[in-house]
Amino acid sequence: MYDTVVTVVGNAATGVEFRESATGGTARFRFAASARRFDRRNEVWTDGPTSFYTVWAWRSLAANLAASVAVGEPLVVHGRLRVREEEREGQRRTSVEIDAVAVGHDLTRGTAAFRRVVKAAPPPAPPPASPSASPPGGPNGPP
């Protein structure tokens, strides 16, 4: 089956919920997107209906989202679209989710300053002990 890949422009509707896990972090937030159309008769821009999505992210994208995104900020979300249907308490519910591949601020509505994440280098491995080397004072230590 082929994935449906979408790019959606809108606003963060909730804060980012970040959770650390054994395989790296996960993050999710709600995202709102409204179509804007120009009403030629009244010569004004109007908002269409708002669609809400739950955006999921993993590993470094999840951590960077948690550090970078706040409620109400304009975003561009790119990822795989998933539509889930379930029945809860006798009612059929549909949820629409995006598994994010990339998320960024919408620069048509403001500016941003990018900061590259610097990953800490792993500590150097201790040098292997030489079999002929013995601690000061002989093999049993200092006298």
Foldseek 3Di string as FASTA:
>chain_A
DDFDKDKAKFWFAAAWDWDADPVAIKIKTKTKGWDWDQDVVVRDIDTHDIDIEIEMEGHPQSVVSNVPGHGGFIKIFIATKDWDWDADPNDIDIHIYGHGPDMDGDPVVHDDDDDDDDDDDPDDDDDDDDPVDDEPCGNVHND
